N, C-alpha and C. Protein backbone atom coordinates (compact mmCIF):
# COMPACT_ATOMS: atom_id res chain seq x y z
N UNK A 1 0.85 -1.17 0.00
CA UNK A 1 0.00 0.00 0.00
C UNK A 1 0.90 1.24 0.00
N UNK A 2 0.55 2.19 -0.81
CA UNK A 2 1.29 3.44 -0.89
C UNK A 2 1.01 4.29 0.35
N UNK A 3 1.95 5.15 0.70
CA UNK A 3 1.78 5.98 1.89
C UNK A 3 0.56 6.88 1.81
N UNK A 4 0.28 7.43 0.64
CA UNK A 4 -0.89 8.29 0.49
C UNK A 4 -2.18 7.48 0.69
N UNK A 5 -2.18 6.22 0.28
CA UNK A 5 -3.33 5.36 0.53
C UNK A 5 -3.49 5.09 2.03
N UNK A 6 -2.38 4.93 2.72
CA UNK A 6 -2.44 4.72 4.17
C UNK A 6 -3.05 5.94 4.87
N UNK A 7 -2.71 7.12 4.41
CA UNK A 7 -3.28 8.36 4.98
C UNK A 7 -4.79 8.36 4.91
N UNK A 8 -5.33 7.74 3.87
CA UNK A 8 -6.78 7.76 3.62
C UNK A 8 -7.54 6.70 4.43
N UNK A 9 -6.84 5.80 5.11
CA UNK A 9 -7.53 4.79 5.91
C UNK A 9 -8.36 5.47 7.00
N UNK A 10 -9.54 4.92 7.32
CA UNK A 10 -10.44 5.58 8.28
C UNK A 10 -10.06 5.33 9.75
N UNK A 11 -8.79 5.47 10.07
CA UNK A 11 -8.33 5.21 11.43
C UNK A 11 -8.98 6.16 12.42
N UNK A 12 -9.14 7.42 12.04
CA UNK A 12 -9.76 8.40 12.93
C UNK A 12 -11.17 7.96 13.32
N UNK A 13 -11.89 7.35 12.39
CA UNK A 13 -13.24 6.88 12.67
C UNK A 13 -13.24 5.62 13.54
N UNK A 14 -12.21 4.80 13.44
CA UNK A 14 -12.14 3.55 14.20
C UNK A 14 -11.69 3.77 15.65
N UNK A 15 -10.90 4.80 15.88
CA UNK A 15 -10.30 5.01 17.20
C UNK A 15 -11.25 5.73 18.15
N UNK A 16 -11.15 5.38 19.41
CA UNK A 16 -11.93 6.05 20.45
C UNK A 16 -11.42 7.48 20.64
N UNK A 17 -12.25 8.31 21.26
CA UNK A 17 -11.86 9.70 21.50
C UNK A 17 -10.61 9.80 22.37
N UNK A 18 -10.47 8.90 23.32
CA UNK A 18 -9.28 8.84 24.18
C UNK A 18 -8.55 7.54 23.87
N UNK A 19 -7.57 7.61 22.99
CA UNK A 19 -6.90 6.38 22.57
C UNK A 19 -5.44 6.65 22.21
N UNK A 20 -4.73 5.55 22.06
CA UNK A 20 -3.31 5.62 21.69
C UNK A 20 -3.13 4.97 20.32
N UNK A 21 -2.07 5.38 19.68
CA UNK A 21 -1.70 4.84 18.38
C UNK A 21 -0.20 4.57 18.40
N UNK A 22 0.19 3.39 17.95
CA UNK A 22 1.60 3.04 17.82
C UNK A 22 1.84 2.68 16.36
N UNK A 23 2.72 3.40 15.70
CA UNK A 23 2.98 3.17 14.28
C UNK A 23 4.44 2.75 14.10
N UNK A 24 4.65 1.52 13.60
CA UNK A 24 5.99 1.05 13.29
C UNK A 24 6.47 1.74 12.02
N UNK A 25 7.74 2.11 12.00
CA UNK A 25 8.31 2.75 10.81
C UNK A 25 9.82 2.54 10.79
N UNK A 26 10.40 2.91 9.68
CA UNK A 26 11.86 2.87 9.55
C UNK A 26 12.34 4.28 9.22
N UNK A 27 13.63 4.48 9.31
CA UNK A 27 14.22 5.81 9.13
C UNK A 27 13.75 6.47 7.83
N UNK A 28 13.70 5.73 6.76
CA UNK A 28 13.33 6.28 5.45
C UNK A 28 11.95 6.95 5.47
N UNK A 29 11.02 6.43 6.28
CA UNK A 29 9.64 6.93 6.29
C UNK A 29 9.29 7.71 7.55
N UNK A 30 10.26 8.05 8.34
CA UNK A 30 9.99 8.66 9.64
C UNK A 30 9.18 9.96 9.52
N UNK A 31 9.60 10.88 8.68
CA UNK A 31 8.86 12.14 8.55
C UNK A 31 7.43 11.91 8.07
N UNK A 32 7.26 11.03 7.11
CA UNK A 32 5.91 10.74 6.57
C UNK A 32 5.03 10.08 7.63
N UNK A 33 5.64 9.32 8.53
CA UNK A 33 4.88 8.65 9.58
C UNK A 33 4.22 9.68 10.50
N UNK A 34 4.94 10.74 10.83
CA UNK A 34 4.35 11.82 11.63
C UNK A 34 3.14 12.41 10.90
N UNK A 35 3.28 12.64 9.60
CA UNK A 35 2.18 13.20 8.81
C UNK A 35 0.96 12.28 8.81
N UNK A 36 1.20 10.99 8.66
CA UNK A 36 0.10 10.02 8.64
C UNK A 36 -0.61 10.00 9.98
N UNK A 37 0.14 9.97 11.07
CA UNK A 37 -0.47 9.96 12.40
C UNK A 37 -1.36 11.19 12.60
N UNK A 38 -0.88 12.34 12.17
CA UNK A 38 -1.68 13.56 12.30
C UNK A 38 -2.94 13.50 11.42
N UNK A 39 -2.80 12.95 10.22
CA UNK A 39 -3.95 12.82 9.33
C UNK A 39 -5.01 11.89 9.93
N UNK A 40 -4.58 10.97 10.75
CA UNK A 40 -5.50 10.04 11.43
C UNK A 40 -6.08 10.63 12.71
N UNK A 41 -5.74 11.89 13.02
CA UNK A 41 -6.31 12.56 14.18
C UNK A 41 -5.55 12.35 15.48
N UNK A 42 -4.28 11.98 15.40
CA UNK A 42 -3.47 11.73 16.60
C UNK A 42 -2.34 12.73 16.71
N UNK A 43 -1.89 12.95 17.95
CA UNK A 43 -0.78 13.85 18.23
C UNK A 43 0.45 13.02 18.57
N UNK A 44 1.51 13.09 17.77
CA UNK A 44 2.75 12.37 18.10
C UNK A 44 3.30 12.83 19.44
N UNK A 45 3.72 11.86 20.27
CA UNK A 45 4.20 12.17 21.61
C UNK A 45 5.65 11.76 21.80
N UNK A 46 5.99 10.55 21.37
CA UNK A 46 7.33 10.04 21.64
C UNK A 46 7.74 9.04 20.56
N UNK A 47 9.03 9.04 20.26
CA UNK A 47 9.56 8.08 19.31
C UNK A 47 10.27 6.97 20.08
N UNK A 48 9.79 5.76 19.92
CA UNK A 48 10.36 4.60 20.59
C UNK A 48 11.29 3.88 19.60
N UNK A 49 12.31 3.20 20.13
CA UNK A 49 13.31 2.60 19.25
C UNK A 49 13.56 1.14 19.60
N UNK A 50 13.57 0.31 18.57
CA UNK A 50 13.98 -1.10 18.69
C UNK A 50 15.40 -1.17 18.14
N UNK A 51 16.35 -1.41 19.02
CA UNK A 51 17.76 -1.56 18.64
C UNK A 51 18.00 -3.03 18.34
N UNK A 52 18.17 -3.35 17.08
CA UNK A 52 18.31 -4.74 16.67
C UNK A 52 19.79 -5.13 16.65
N UNK A 53 20.08 -6.38 16.97
CA UNK A 53 21.47 -6.83 16.90
C UNK A 53 22.01 -6.68 15.48
N UNK A 54 23.30 -6.43 15.38
CA UNK A 54 23.94 -6.33 14.06
C UNK A 54 23.73 -7.63 13.30
N UNK A 55 23.62 -7.46 11.98
CA UNK A 55 23.34 -8.63 11.14
C UNK A 55 24.13 -8.53 9.84
N UNK A 56 25.37 -8.09 9.93
CA UNK A 56 26.18 -7.95 8.73
C UNK A 56 25.94 -6.63 8.03
N UNK A 57 26.53 -6.47 6.87
CA UNK A 57 26.40 -5.24 6.10
C UNK A 57 25.24 -5.34 5.12
N UNK A 58 24.03 -5.27 5.65
CA UNK A 58 22.84 -5.36 4.82
C UNK A 58 22.52 -4.04 4.17
N UNK A 59 21.24 -3.71 4.12
CA UNK A 59 20.77 -2.49 3.48
C UNK A 59 21.25 -1.26 4.22
N UNK A 60 21.27 -0.16 3.53
CA UNK A 60 21.65 1.12 4.14
C UNK A 60 22.75 1.78 3.33
N UNK A 61 23.04 2.99 3.69
CA UNK A 61 24.09 3.74 3.01
C UNK A 61 25.37 3.67 3.82
N UNK A 62 25.82 4.81 4.28
CA UNK A 62 27.06 4.88 5.06
C UNK A 62 26.93 4.14 6.38
N UNK A 63 25.71 4.10 6.93
CA UNK A 63 25.46 3.40 8.19
C UNK A 63 24.47 2.28 7.94
N UNK A 64 24.76 1.11 8.47
CA UNK A 64 23.83 -0.01 8.35
C UNK A 64 22.68 0.21 9.34
N UNK A 65 21.47 0.12 8.85
CA UNK A 65 20.31 0.35 9.70
C UNK A 65 20.08 -0.83 10.64
N UNK A 66 20.21 -0.58 11.92
CA UNK A 66 19.97 -1.62 12.93
C UNK A 66 18.90 -1.17 13.92
N UNK A 67 18.06 -0.25 13.48
CA UNK A 67 16.97 0.22 14.33
C UNK A 67 15.67 0.27 13.55
N UNK A 68 14.58 0.11 14.28
CA UNK A 68 13.25 0.40 13.78
C UNK A 68 12.60 1.27 14.83
N UNK A 69 11.57 1.97 14.42
CA UNK A 69 10.95 2.93 15.31
C UNK A 69 9.46 2.68 15.45
N UNK A 70 8.93 3.12 16.58
CA UNK A 70 7.49 3.10 16.83
C UNK A 70 7.12 4.51 17.28
N UNK A 71 6.28 5.15 16.51
CA UNK A 71 5.82 6.48 16.87
C UNK A 71 4.60 6.31 17.79
N UNK A 72 4.75 6.75 19.04
CA UNK A 72 3.68 6.68 20.03
C UNK A 72 2.89 7.98 19.95
N UNK A 73 1.57 7.86 19.76
CA UNK A 73 0.70 9.02 19.58
C UNK A 73 -0.52 8.89 20.49
N UNK A 74 -1.12 10.03 20.78
CA UNK A 74 -2.34 10.04 21.59
C UNK A 74 -3.42 10.87 20.91
N UNK A 75 -4.63 10.51 21.28
CA UNK A 75 -5.80 11.31 20.91
C UNK A 75 -6.61 11.46 22.18
N UNK A 76 -6.93 12.67 22.55
CA UNK A 76 -7.63 12.89 23.81
C UNK A 76 -6.69 12.63 24.98
N UNK A 77 -7.24 12.03 26.04
CA UNK A 77 -6.45 11.75 27.25
C UNK A 77 -6.62 10.29 27.65
N UNK A 78 -5.97 9.36 26.94
CA UNK A 78 -6.10 7.95 27.30
C UNK A 78 -5.43 7.67 28.65
N UNK A 79 -6.05 6.80 29.42
CA UNK A 79 -5.50 6.43 30.73
C UNK A 79 -4.33 5.47 30.55
N UNK A 80 -3.27 5.73 31.27
CA UNK A 80 -2.09 4.86 31.25
C UNK A 80 -2.03 4.12 32.59
N UNK A 81 -2.01 2.78 32.55
CA UNK A 81 -2.02 1.98 33.78
C UNK A 81 -0.68 1.98 34.50
N UNK A 82 0.40 2.07 33.76
CA UNK A 82 1.73 2.10 34.36
C UNK A 82 2.70 2.76 33.39
N UNK A 83 3.79 3.25 33.93
CA UNK A 83 4.83 3.88 33.10
C UNK A 83 5.91 2.85 32.81
N UNK A 84 6.61 3.06 31.73
CA UNK A 84 7.73 2.20 31.36
C UNK A 84 9.00 3.04 31.48
N UNK A 85 10.06 2.44 31.97
CA UNK A 85 11.27 3.19 32.29
C UNK A 85 12.26 3.36 31.13
N UNK A 86 11.80 3.15 29.92
CA UNK A 86 12.69 3.30 28.77
C UNK A 86 11.90 3.62 27.52
N UNK A 87 12.59 4.11 26.51
CA UNK A 87 11.96 4.33 25.21
C UNK A 87 12.70 3.56 24.13
N UNK A 88 13.58 2.64 24.53
CA UNK A 88 14.28 1.79 23.56
C UNK A 88 14.41 0.38 24.13
N UNK A 89 14.48 -0.58 23.21
CA UNK A 89 14.59 -1.99 23.58
C UNK A 89 15.59 -2.67 22.67
N UNK A 90 16.23 -3.69 23.19
CA UNK A 90 17.24 -4.43 22.45
C UNK A 90 16.79 -5.88 22.31
N UNK A 91 15.71 -6.07 21.56
CA UNK A 91 15.16 -7.41 21.36
C UNK A 91 15.85 -8.11 20.21
N UNK A 92 15.82 -9.44 20.24
CA UNK A 92 16.39 -10.23 19.15
C UNK A 92 15.58 -10.02 17.88
N UNK A 93 16.25 -10.26 16.77
CA UNK A 93 15.58 -10.24 15.47
C UNK A 93 14.80 -11.54 15.28
N UNK A 94 13.73 -11.45 14.52
CA UNK A 94 13.01 -12.63 14.08
C UNK A 94 13.12 -12.70 12.57
N UNK A 95 12.20 -13.42 11.94
CA UNK A 95 12.18 -13.43 10.47
C UNK A 95 11.97 -12.01 9.93
N UNK A 96 12.31 -11.79 8.68
CA UNK A 96 12.22 -10.47 8.06
C UNK A 96 10.87 -9.81 8.32
N UNK A 97 10.91 -8.58 8.80
CA UNK A 97 9.73 -7.74 9.05
C UNK A 97 8.87 -8.17 10.23
N UNK A 98 9.22 -9.23 10.92
CA UNK A 98 8.42 -9.66 12.08
C UNK A 98 8.76 -8.76 13.27
N UNK A 99 7.72 -8.19 13.85
CA UNK A 99 7.90 -7.31 14.99
C UNK A 99 7.90 -8.15 16.27
N UNK A 100 8.64 -7.69 17.28
CA UNK A 100 8.73 -8.46 18.53
C UNK A 100 7.41 -8.47 19.31
N UNK A 101 6.99 -9.66 19.72
CA UNK A 101 5.77 -9.82 20.51
C UNK A 101 5.86 -9.04 21.82
N UNK A 102 7.08 -8.86 22.33
CA UNK A 102 7.26 -8.16 23.60
C UNK A 102 6.69 -6.74 23.55
N UNK A 103 6.67 -6.15 22.36
CA UNK A 103 6.13 -4.80 22.27
C UNK A 103 4.64 -4.78 22.60
N UNK A 104 3.89 -5.74 22.06
CA UNK A 104 2.47 -5.78 22.36
C UNK A 104 2.22 -6.12 23.82
N UNK A 105 3.12 -6.90 24.43
CA UNK A 105 3.02 -7.15 25.87
C UNK A 105 3.08 -5.83 26.64
N UNK A 106 3.98 -4.95 26.23
CA UNK A 106 4.12 -3.64 26.88
C UNK A 106 2.85 -2.81 26.68
N UNK A 107 2.33 -2.79 25.47
CA UNK A 107 1.10 -2.04 25.20
C UNK A 107 -0.03 -2.53 26.10
N UNK A 108 -0.17 -3.84 26.22
CA UNK A 108 -1.24 -4.41 27.06
C UNK A 108 -1.05 -4.07 28.54
N UNK A 109 0.20 -4.04 29.00
CA UNK A 109 0.46 -3.68 30.40
C UNK A 109 0.14 -2.21 30.67
N UNK A 110 0.40 -1.37 29.69
CA UNK A 110 0.26 0.07 29.89
C UNK A 110 -1.15 0.61 29.65
N UNK A 111 -1.89 -0.02 28.72
CA UNK A 111 -3.18 0.53 28.31
C UNK A 111 -4.23 -0.56 28.25
N UNK A 112 -5.45 -0.19 28.63
CA UNK A 112 -6.59 -1.10 28.47
C UNK A 112 -6.99 -1.16 27.01
N UNK A 113 -7.60 -2.26 26.61
CA UNK A 113 -8.10 -2.43 25.26
C UNK A 113 -9.41 -1.69 25.09
N UNK A 114 -10.08 -1.90 23.97
CA UNK A 114 -9.78 -2.92 22.97
C UNK A 114 -8.54 -2.56 22.14
N UNK A 115 -7.96 -3.61 21.55
CA UNK A 115 -6.74 -3.46 20.76
C UNK A 115 -7.03 -3.83 19.31
N UNK A 116 -6.47 -3.05 18.40
CA UNK A 116 -6.61 -3.29 16.97
C UNK A 116 -5.23 -3.20 16.34
N UNK A 117 -4.86 -4.21 15.57
CA UNK A 117 -3.60 -4.17 14.84
C UNK A 117 -3.90 -4.15 13.35
N UNK A 118 -3.52 -3.06 12.70
CA UNK A 118 -3.66 -2.96 11.25
C UNK A 118 -2.39 -3.49 10.60
N UNK A 119 -2.50 -4.10 9.46
CA UNK A 119 -1.39 -4.69 8.73
C UNK A 119 -0.75 -5.84 9.51
N UNK A 120 -1.59 -6.54 10.27
CA UNK A 120 -1.10 -7.67 11.08
C UNK A 120 -0.68 -8.82 10.17
N UNK A 121 0.19 -9.66 10.71
CA UNK A 121 0.64 -10.85 9.99
C UNK A 121 0.25 -12.12 10.68
N UNK A 122 -0.29 -11.99 11.90
CA UNK A 122 -0.76 -13.16 12.64
C UNK A 122 -1.78 -12.68 13.66
N UNK A 123 -2.55 -13.62 14.18
CA UNK A 123 -3.55 -13.28 15.19
C UNK A 123 -2.88 -13.18 16.56
N UNK A 124 -3.52 -12.44 17.45
CA UNK A 124 -3.05 -12.33 18.84
C UNK A 124 -4.29 -12.31 19.73
N UNK A 125 -4.25 -13.06 20.81
CA UNK A 125 -5.37 -13.16 21.74
C UNK A 125 -5.74 -11.76 22.25
N UNK A 126 -7.03 -11.47 22.27
CA UNK A 126 -7.60 -10.20 22.72
C UNK A 126 -7.33 -9.02 21.79
N UNK A 127 -6.84 -9.27 20.60
CA UNK A 127 -6.63 -8.21 19.61
C UNK A 127 -7.50 -8.49 18.40
N UNK A 128 -8.02 -7.43 17.82
CA UNK A 128 -8.65 -7.52 16.51
C UNK A 128 -7.52 -7.31 15.51
N UNK A 129 -7.41 -8.19 14.55
CA UNK A 129 -6.33 -8.07 13.58
C UNK A 129 -6.90 -7.87 12.18
N UNK A 130 -6.24 -7.02 11.42
CA UNK A 130 -6.62 -6.74 10.05
C UNK A 130 -5.36 -6.73 9.23
N UNK A 131 -5.35 -7.51 8.18
CA UNK A 131 -4.20 -7.56 7.29
C UNK A 131 -4.34 -8.72 6.32
N UNK A 132 -3.78 -8.57 5.15
CA UNK A 132 -3.95 -9.60 4.12
C UNK A 132 -3.06 -10.82 4.34
N UNK A 133 -2.24 -10.82 5.39
CA UNK A 133 -1.43 -12.00 5.70
C UNK A 133 -1.97 -12.79 6.87
N UNK A 134 -3.09 -12.36 7.46
CA UNK A 134 -3.70 -13.06 8.59
C UNK A 134 -4.89 -13.86 8.10
N UNK A 135 -4.88 -15.18 8.31
CA UNK A 135 -6.04 -15.95 7.89
C UNK A 135 -7.30 -15.52 8.67
N UNK A 136 -8.38 -15.26 7.97
CA UNK A 136 -9.68 -14.91 8.57
C UNK A 136 -9.63 -13.66 9.44
N UNK A 137 -8.75 -12.73 9.16
CA UNK A 137 -8.68 -11.50 9.95
C UNK A 137 -9.87 -10.60 9.64
N UNK A 138 -10.28 -9.82 10.62
CA UNK A 138 -11.37 -8.86 10.47
C UNK A 138 -10.87 -7.66 9.70
C-alpha cells in the first residue's frame, strides 16, 4: 500500500476519543509517519526505538540500519495503567519484518483495550487483527 493510501484509511473513525496509536516505521519513512499519524487525528508524543542486533552489512548507506521505530501518539487523554522506564529496547531479530511480541506485551500492560492491529501478519489473543497476511482476519 502506498503511503498516500495509508493516509486515507479511516483510522480516525475507528479510534476512540481517548486512545493511543503506535505506528511502526523505519528511518526512510519517519517524517511521513508523523504526517500520517496527524492525518488520522493523533498527536505524536514520543519516538520509541527497537535496537536490533547487528546482522552484517545489509541495506543502508554509510550506516547499516539496525533500528526500527514506533511512533507513540495520543488522541484525547487515554489512561495509562503504568509507566515504562525506557523508550528503547534491544530485542532479538526474528524473520524479516516480524515485529517483537514483547512490544504488544508492553502495550497491554500500559493501556486497556480494545486493541486493533492494522497490517497484522498473525492473530493475537484479545486483539482484533486486520491484514492480508492473517487468515480470517477482520
